[in-house]
Amino acid sequence: MTSAVSCSRLRQIQSLLRDGGSTAPDAILCSLGIDSRYNEGCTELANYLFFGLYKQTLLDVEQDLPEEVLDDVIVLIKANSVHLYCNPVNYGYLLPYVSHWRNLHLHCMTETEYEDEEAAEEFKISSFVSMVQDCRRIGVPYSSQGHIQKFDMFMVEKWPIIQAFALEGIGAGGFFTMKYKLWGTYTRLDPVSLEHLFTEELVGFEKQWNNFFSAMDRESHLSIPELSEAQAGEYFRIYFSHGLISSNITDTSKSRQPFTLFGNHSSKAEMESYCFTFPSEGHQVRNTGPQGTNAKHMILQCVSPTGPLACARTYFFGTAHIPYLGKPTTEVSVCLVLRN
């Protein structure tokens, strides 16, 4: 992480406010921990701004820092400024990520002041009121990419920090909610995300292709014709299915799914109607060629479930071309060798 990349990520978020026209909110609220009932969308935004700090387990934190102390954070992003509430304990963890942000307004007590729990809670509420006092409309990152939820305004209004906002004598009264998507911003490549793509995601992606080729090498020339699309694409399918649990990809188009299709079954129409969760056991190498003969080729696609990586290739079973030698030739049998 560098200050340049950190500032770039913040500007990407702020651009949604500056370039959104009359429909854009005045600010985007990111409240962590119990104050937002552990909202996944807020956690996802915090991980984008703080480079995965809240993906770490407590074992990864240098000191014995309780989760409720580390999560005691409220960020309000405006078009030209940022308000950050934190406590004197987690301040040191957040400082490397925010010290270079322009127009940063920090709301933080001293260690002595923070020892009084009641005073600390009142300070948090008054800080939040101060943050939002000139905002008429607040954007909330309600859903995460991996867990899309139907927006419920009343659930947001039940967040402890929002309820405190309406307390008589402390808050300004009333409630405010709206849905706002940030996912397109998260997927933009910068030096940090590019490094993660090469050092982590690409390694797992390549492994799936190696597993596929190893499995094909174990097949004999007698077993290849009995191979089904479901069997051949098993590694790609399992890799994709398991990864969807923590997926950051919201594209649900047909191009974002793995597939393995043989011979005549690899037409455009078949690809458009294909569903990786129901692979074909009946389409085999031996019956997907012309007039139900052996297939001469197959098309494969492997897709990363947690990133933008995808690769589709065409492979031929042995030699698909039958040269004309001036006399009738026999059909070439299916062999094990795969060629591009």
Protein backbone atom coordinates (compact mmCIF):
# COMPACT_ATOMS: atom_id res chain seq x y z
CA MET A 1 0.00 0.00 0.00
CA THR A 2 1.29 3.49 -0.89
CA SER A 3 -0.13 6.92 -0.18
CA ALA A 4 -0.73 7.44 -3.91
CA VAL A 5 -2.85 4.29 -4.25
CA SER A 6 -4.69 5.04 -1.01
CA CYS A 7 -5.58 8.55 -2.17
CA SER A 8 -6.58 7.17 -5.57
CA ARG A 9 -9.07 4.77 -3.97
CA LEU A 10 -10.57 7.56 -1.90
CA ARG A 11 -10.90 9.77 -5.00
CA GLN A 12 -12.66 6.94 -6.82
CA ILE A 13 -15.29 6.85 -4.08
CA GLN A 14 -15.58 10.63 -3.97
CA SER A 15 -16.05 10.76 -7.75
CA LEU A 16 -19.38 8.95 -7.27
CA LEU A 17 -20.54 11.96 -5.30
CA ARG A 18 -19.12 14.62 -7.62
CA ASP A 19 -20.16 13.02 -10.90
CA GLY A 20 -23.53 11.64 -9.87
CA GLY A 21 -25.49 14.81 -10.65
CA SER A 22 -28.67 15.67 -8.79
CA THR A 23 -29.27 12.04 -7.85
CA ALA A 24 -25.98 11.68 -5.96
CA PRO A 25 -26.04 11.69 -2.15
CA ASP A 26 -24.23 14.34 -0.15
CA ALA A 27 -22.04 11.72 1.51
CA ILE A 28 -21.43 7.99 1.89
CA LEU A 29 -21.62 6.48 5.36
CA CYS A 30 -19.45 3.55 6.41
CA SER A 31 -20.10 2.41 9.97
CA LEU A 32 -18.46 -0.76 11.27
CA GLY A 33 -19.13 -3.27 14.02
CA ILE A 34 -22.16 -3.21 16.25
CA ASP A 35 -23.04 0.37 15.25
CA SER A 36 -24.22 -0.93 11.85
CA ARG A 37 -25.15 -4.42 13.08
CA TYR A 38 -22.02 -5.72 11.34
CA ASN A 39 -23.28 -4.66 7.93
CA GLU A 40 -21.37 -6.49 5.18
CA GLY A 41 -21.54 -3.63 2.70
CA CYS A 42 -19.87 -1.25 5.13
CA THR A 43 -17.19 -3.81 5.92
CA GLU A 44 -16.52 -4.27 2.21
CA LEU A 45 -16.08 -0.51 1.71
CA ALA A 46 -13.75 -0.34 4.73
CA ASN A 47 -11.64 -3.17 3.33
CA TYR A 48 -11.38 -1.31 0.03
CA LEU A 49 -10.22 1.91 1.71
CA PHE A 50 -8.03 0.19 4.34
CA PHE A 51 -6.62 -2.52 2.04
CA GLY A 52 -8.20 -5.55 3.68
CA LEU A 53 -7.57 -4.54 7.30
CA TYR A 54 -10.95 -5.95 8.31
CA LYS A 55 -10.39 -9.23 6.50
CA GLN A 56 -7.71 -10.10 9.01
CA THR A 57 -8.35 -12.28 12.01
CA LEU A 58 -7.43 -11.17 15.50
CA LEU A 59 -4.38 -13.42 15.25
CA ASP A 60 -3.09 -11.18 12.46
CA VAL A 61 -3.24 -8.08 14.65
CA GLU A 62 0.07 -7.34 16.34
CA GLN A 63 -1.49 -6.63 19.71
CA ASP A 64 -4.32 -8.33 21.56
CA LEU A 65 -6.97 -5.95 20.23
CA PRO A 66 -10.61 -6.93 20.85
CA GLU A 67 -12.79 -6.98 17.77
CA GLU A 68 -15.25 -4.45 19.19
CA VAL A 69 -12.37 -1.98 19.67
CA LEU A 70 -10.94 -2.49 16.17
CA ASP A 71 -14.46 -2.13 14.67
CA ASP A 72 -15.18 1.10 16.55
CA VAL A 73 -14.95 3.19 13.38
CA ILE A 74 -17.27 5.52 11.46
CA VAL A 75 -16.27 7.02 8.12
CA LEU A 76 -18.32 9.67 6.35
CA ILE A 77 -17.03 10.41 2.85
CA LYS A 78 -18.01 13.70 1.23
CA ALA A 79 -17.10 14.97 -2.22
CA ASN A 80 -14.17 17.07 -0.96
CA SER A 81 -13.56 15.88 2.58
CA VAL A 82 -13.66 12.89 4.91
CA HIS A 83 -14.79 12.57 8.51
CA LEU A 84 -13.32 9.71 10.55
CA TYR A 85 -14.37 8.70 14.03
CA CYS A 86 -12.12 6.20 15.80
CA ASN A 87 -10.80 5.54 19.31
CA PRO A 88 -7.28 6.08 20.65
CA VAL A 89 -6.64 2.32 20.60
CA ASN A 90 -7.39 1.57 16.92
CA TYR A 91 -6.08 4.98 15.82
CA GLY A 92 -2.59 3.59 15.31
CA TYR A 93 -3.87 0.87 12.96
CA LEU A 94 -5.86 3.32 10.83
CA LEU A 95 -3.29 6.11 10.69
CA PRO A 96 -1.08 4.63 7.91
CA TYR A 97 -4.13 4.48 5.64
CA VAL A 98 -5.61 7.93 6.32
CA SER A 99 -2.76 10.26 7.27
CA HIS A 100 -2.35 11.44 3.66
CA TRP A 101 -6.05 11.95 2.86
CA ARG A 102 -6.93 15.53 1.96
CA ASN A 103 -9.32 17.48 4.18
CA LEU A 104 -9.48 14.75 6.81
CA HIS A 105 -11.50 15.63 9.91
CA LEU A 106 -10.50 13.31 12.73
CA HIS A 107 -12.82 12.67 15.68
CA CYS A 108 -10.86 10.88 18.39
CA MET A 109 -10.59 11.13 22.18
CA THR A 110 -7.40 10.96 24.17
CA GLU A 111 -6.58 7.75 26.03
CA THR A 112 -7.51 9.32 29.35
CA GLU A 113 -10.88 10.56 28.08
CA TYR A 114 -11.63 7.20 26.48
CA GLU A 115 -11.40 5.42 29.84
CA ASP A 116 -14.81 6.87 30.77
CA GLU A 117 -17.18 4.56 28.84
CA GLU A 118 -20.22 6.83 29.14
CA ALA A 119 -18.27 9.88 28.01
CA ALA A 120 -16.79 7.86 25.11
CA GLU A 121 -20.25 6.83 23.92
CA GLU A 122 -21.54 10.39 24.09
CA PHE A 123 -18.49 11.59 22.18
CA LYS A 124 -19.16 9.07 19.40
CA ILE A 125 -22.77 10.21 19.03
CA SER A 126 -21.92 13.91 19.09
CA SER A 127 -19.14 13.28 16.55
CA PHE A 128 -21.59 11.51 14.26
CA VAL A 129 -24.09 14.39 14.57
CA SER A 130 -21.33 16.83 13.68
CA MET A 131 -20.34 14.74 10.66
CA VAL A 132 -23.78 14.67 9.07
CA GLN A 133 -25.15 18.06 10.10
CA ASP A 134 -24.95 19.56 6.60
CA CYS A 135 -26.10 16.42 4.74
CA ARG A 136 -29.62 15.99 3.41
CA ARG A 137 -29.12 12.61 1.78
CA ILE A 138 -26.72 9.87 2.86
CA GLY A 139 -25.61 6.92 0.75
CA VAL A 140 -25.26 3.57 2.52
CA PRO A 141 -23.33 0.59 1.02
CA TYR A 142 -26.02 -1.78 2.24
CA SER A 143 -25.06 -4.99 0.40
CA SER A 144 -21.74 -6.63 -0.31
CA GLN A 145 -20.94 -8.09 -3.71
CA GLY A 146 -20.83 -11.62 -2.38
CA HIS A 147 -24.13 -11.34 -0.49
CA ILE A 148 -26.66 -9.16 -2.28
CA GLN A 149 -29.57 -8.26 -0.02
CA LYS A 150 -32.85 -6.55 -0.74
CA PHE A 151 -32.57 -3.03 0.62
CA ASP A 152 -34.60 -2.51 3.79
CA MET A 153 -34.78 1.09 4.96
CA PHE A 154 -36.15 0.08 8.35
CA MET A 155 -33.22 -2.26 9.00
CA VAL A 156 -30.81 0.64 8.51
CA GLU A 157 -32.88 2.76 10.86
CA LYS A 158 -32.35 0.07 13.52
CA TRP A 159 -28.58 0.53 13.41
CA PRO A 160 -27.54 1.72 16.90
CA ILE A 161 -25.69 4.76 15.56
CA ILE A 162 -28.71 5.82 13.47
CA GLN A 163 -31.05 5.40 16.44
CA ALA A 164 -28.71 7.47 18.59
CA PHE A 165 -28.85 10.17 15.91
CA ALA A 166 -32.52 10.69 16.72
CA LEU A 167 -32.13 10.86 20.50
CA GLU A 168 -33.68 13.98 21.91
CA GLY A 169 -31.09 16.47 23.06
CA ILE A 170 -28.22 14.76 21.25
CA GLY A 171 -29.12 13.96 17.67
CA ALA A 172 -30.66 16.20 15.05
CA GLY A 173 -33.81 14.06 14.87
CA GLY A 174 -35.27 12.09 11.97
CA PHE A 175 -33.83 9.28 9.87
CA PHE A 176 -32.12 9.03 6.53
CA THR A 177 -31.46 6.10 4.21
CA MET A 178 -30.82 5.35 0.57
CA LYS A 179 -29.23 2.60 -1.50
CA TYR A 180 -26.00 3.28 -3.33
CA LYS A 181 -23.76 0.86 -5.22
CA LEU A 182 -19.96 1.04 -5.09
CA TRP A 183 -19.08 -2.31 -6.62
CA GLY A 184 -17.91 -0.92 -9.96
CA THR A 185 -15.30 1.11 -8.10
CA TYR A 186 -13.98 -1.87 -6.13
CA THR A 187 -13.20 -3.83 -9.31
CA ARG A 188 -10.97 -1.17 -10.89
CA LEU A 189 -7.34 -2.22 -11.01
CA ASP A 190 -4.68 -0.26 -9.19
CA PRO A 191 -1.11 -1.34 -8.31
CA VAL A 192 -2.20 -3.08 -5.10
CA SER A 193 -5.11 -5.01 -6.61
CA LEU A 194 -2.96 -5.89 -9.65
CA GLU A 195 -0.27 -7.34 -7.39
CA HIS A 196 -2.92 -9.37 -5.56
CA LEU A 197 -4.22 -10.61 -8.91
CA PHE A 198 -0.79 -11.86 -9.99
CA THR A 199 0.50 -13.25 -6.69
CA GLU A 200 -2.68 -14.91 -5.37
CA GLU A 201 -5.58 -15.21 -7.79
CA LEU A 202 -3.51 -16.15 -10.85
CA VAL A 203 -1.75 -18.94 -8.92
CA GLY A 204 -5.04 -20.64 -8.07
CA PHE A 205 -6.37 -20.05 -11.58
CA GLU A 206 -3.36 -21.72 -13.22
CA LYS A 207 -3.63 -24.66 -10.84
CA GLN A 208 -7.07 -25.51 -12.24
CA TRP A 209 -5.66 -25.81 -15.76
CA ASN A 210 -2.81 -27.97 -14.49
CA ASN A 211 -5.34 -30.21 -12.73
CA PHE A 212 -7.33 -30.53 -15.94
CA PHE A 213 -4.33 -31.52 -18.04
CA SER A 214 -3.15 -33.99 -15.39
CA ALA A 215 -6.58 -35.63 -15.39
CA MET A 216 -6.57 -35.87 -19.19
CA ASP A 217 -3.08 -37.39 -19.17
CA ARG A 218 -4.39 -40.20 -16.98
CA GLU A 219 -7.02 -41.14 -19.57
CA SER A 220 -6.17 -43.86 -22.09
CA HIS A 221 -7.12 -43.90 -25.78
CA LEU A 222 -9.82 -46.42 -24.82
CA SER A 223 -11.37 -44.32 -22.02
CA ILE A 224 -11.29 -40.96 -23.83
CA PRO A 225 -14.40 -41.72 -25.96
CA GLU A 226 -16.40 -42.46 -22.78
CA LEU A 227 -15.43 -39.14 -21.19
CA SER A 228 -18.42 -36.85 -20.52
CA GLU A 229 -18.56 -33.07 -20.35
CA ALA A 230 -19.38 -33.29 -16.65
CA GLN A 231 -16.27 -35.37 -15.95
CA ALA A 232 -13.91 -33.24 -18.04
CA GLY A 233 -15.06 -29.97 -16.49
CA GLU A 234 -15.19 -31.14 -12.88
CA TYR A 235 -12.13 -29.19 -11.69
CA PHE A 236 -13.31 -25.91 -13.24
CA ARG A 237 -16.81 -26.39 -11.87
CA ILE A 238 -15.74 -27.16 -8.28
CA TYR A 239 -13.22 -24.30 -8.28
CA PHE A 240 -15.91 -21.86 -9.40
CA SER A 241 -18.69 -23.17 -7.14
CA HIS A 242 -16.63 -23.10 -3.95
CA GLY A 243 -15.25 -19.67 -4.74
CA LEU A 244 -18.71 -18.16 -5.16
CA ILE A 245 -19.08 -18.26 -1.39
CA SER A 246 -16.68 -15.31 -1.13
CA SER A 247 -17.03 -13.98 -4.66
CA ASN A 248 -16.47 -10.32 -5.51
CA ILE A 249 -17.92 -10.64 -8.98
CA THR A 250 -21.44 -9.38 -9.65
CA ASP A 251 -21.51 -10.21 -13.37
CA THR A 252 -23.97 -13.09 -13.77
CA SER A 253 -23.83 -13.28 -17.57
CA LYS A 254 -23.15 -16.54 -19.40
CA SER A 255 -19.62 -15.35 -20.13
CA ARG A 256 -18.87 -15.47 -16.40
CA GLN A 257 -19.32 -19.20 -15.89
CA PRO A 258 -17.09 -22.22 -16.55
CA PHE A 259 -18.02 -24.72 -19.23
CA THR A 260 -16.76 -27.79 -21.08
CA LEU A 261 -18.48 -28.62 -24.37
CA PHE A 262 -17.70 -31.34 -26.91
CA GLY A 263 -18.04 -31.39 -30.69
CA ASN A 264 -21.49 -30.50 -32.05
CA HIS A 265 -22.58 -29.54 -28.55
CA SER A 266 -20.26 -26.50 -28.60
CA SER A 267 -22.42 -24.28 -30.81
CA LYS A 268 -23.27 -20.70 -29.85
CA ALA A 269 -26.81 -21.73 -29.01
CA GLU A 270 -25.56 -24.44 -26.65
CA MET A 271 -23.19 -22.02 -24.91
CA GLU A 272 -25.96 -19.46 -24.37
CA SER A 273 -28.25 -22.06 -22.80
CA TYR A 274 -25.53 -23.79 -20.77
CA CYS A 275 -25.69 -23.86 -16.96
CA PHE A 276 -22.55 -25.02 -15.14
CA THR A 277 -24.56 -26.34 -12.18
CA PHE A 278 -26.16 -29.00 -14.42
CA PRO A 279 -23.30 -30.39 -16.54
CA SER A 280 -24.11 -33.05 -19.09
CA GLU A 281 -23.31 -36.69 -18.37
CA GLY A 282 -24.90 -37.78 -21.64
CA HIS A 283 -22.71 -35.71 -23.95
CA GLN A 284 -19.58 -37.80 -24.39
CA VAL A 285 -16.65 -37.69 -26.77
CA ARG A 286 -17.97 -40.76 -28.60
CA ASN A 287 -21.39 -39.31 -29.47
CA THR A 288 -20.93 -35.56 -30.01
CA GLY A 289 -19.24 -35.62 -33.41
CA PRO A 290 -20.90 -35.50 -36.87
CA GLN A 291 -23.82 -37.97 -37.11
CA GLY A 292 -23.15 -39.16 -33.55
CA THR A 293 -19.52 -40.13 -34.15
CA ASN A 294 -16.48 -39.24 -32.08
CA ALA A 295 -16.05 -35.52 -31.38
CA LYS A 296 -12.99 -33.93 -32.94
CA HIS A 297 -12.72 -30.98 -30.56
CA MET A 298 -13.89 -29.46 -27.29
CA ILE A 299 -14.08 -25.92 -25.91
CA LEU A 300 -13.26 -25.09 -22.30
CA GLN A 301 -13.64 -22.03 -20.13
CA CYS A 302 -12.22 -21.55 -16.66
CA VAL A 303 -13.46 -18.54 -14.65
CA SER A 304 -12.12 -17.16 -11.41
CA PRO A 305 -14.98 -16.78 -8.93
CA THR A 306 -13.22 -14.07 -6.90
CA GLY A 307 -11.66 -11.90 -9.59
CA PRO A 308 -11.73 -10.84 -13.24
CA LEU A 309 -9.71 -13.79 -14.61
CA ALA A 310 -11.29 -15.95 -17.32
CA CYS A 311 -9.79 -18.01 -20.12
CA ALA A 312 -11.48 -19.98 -22.90
CA ARG A 313 -9.59 -22.39 -25.18
CA THR A 314 -10.31 -24.85 -27.98
CA TYR A 315 -8.55 -28.22 -28.00
CA PHE A 316 -8.61 -31.03 -30.54
CA PHE A 317 -8.69 -34.74 -29.83
CA GLY A 318 -5.73 -35.91 -31.87
CA THR A 319 -5.59 -34.86 -35.54
CA ALA A 320 -8.92 -33.49 -36.71
CA HIS A 321 -7.74 -32.83 -40.29
CA ILE A 322 -7.89 -35.71 -42.76
CA PRO A 323 -5.63 -34.92 -45.74
CA TYR A 324 -6.78 -35.79 -49.27
CA LEU A 325 -4.39 -38.37 -50.75
CA GLY A 326 -6.22 -39.08 -53.97
CA LYS A 327 -7.91 -42.18 -52.61
CA PRO A 328 -10.43 -42.93 -49.85
CA THR A 329 -9.09 -42.64 -46.34
CA THR A 330 -10.29 -44.10 -43.11
CA GLU A 331 -11.58 -42.03 -40.22
CA VAL A 332 -8.87 -40.97 -37.78
CA SER A 333 -9.45 -42.47 -34.35
CA VAL A 334 -9.59 -40.41 -31.18
CA CYS A 335 -6.32 -40.28 -29.28
CA LEU A 336 -5.19 -38.80 -26.01
CA VAL A 337 -2.98 -35.97 -27.27
CA LEU A 338 -4.50 -32.48 -26.92
CA ARG A 339 -3.38 -29.69 -29.22
CA ASN A 340 -4.25 -26.02 -29.40
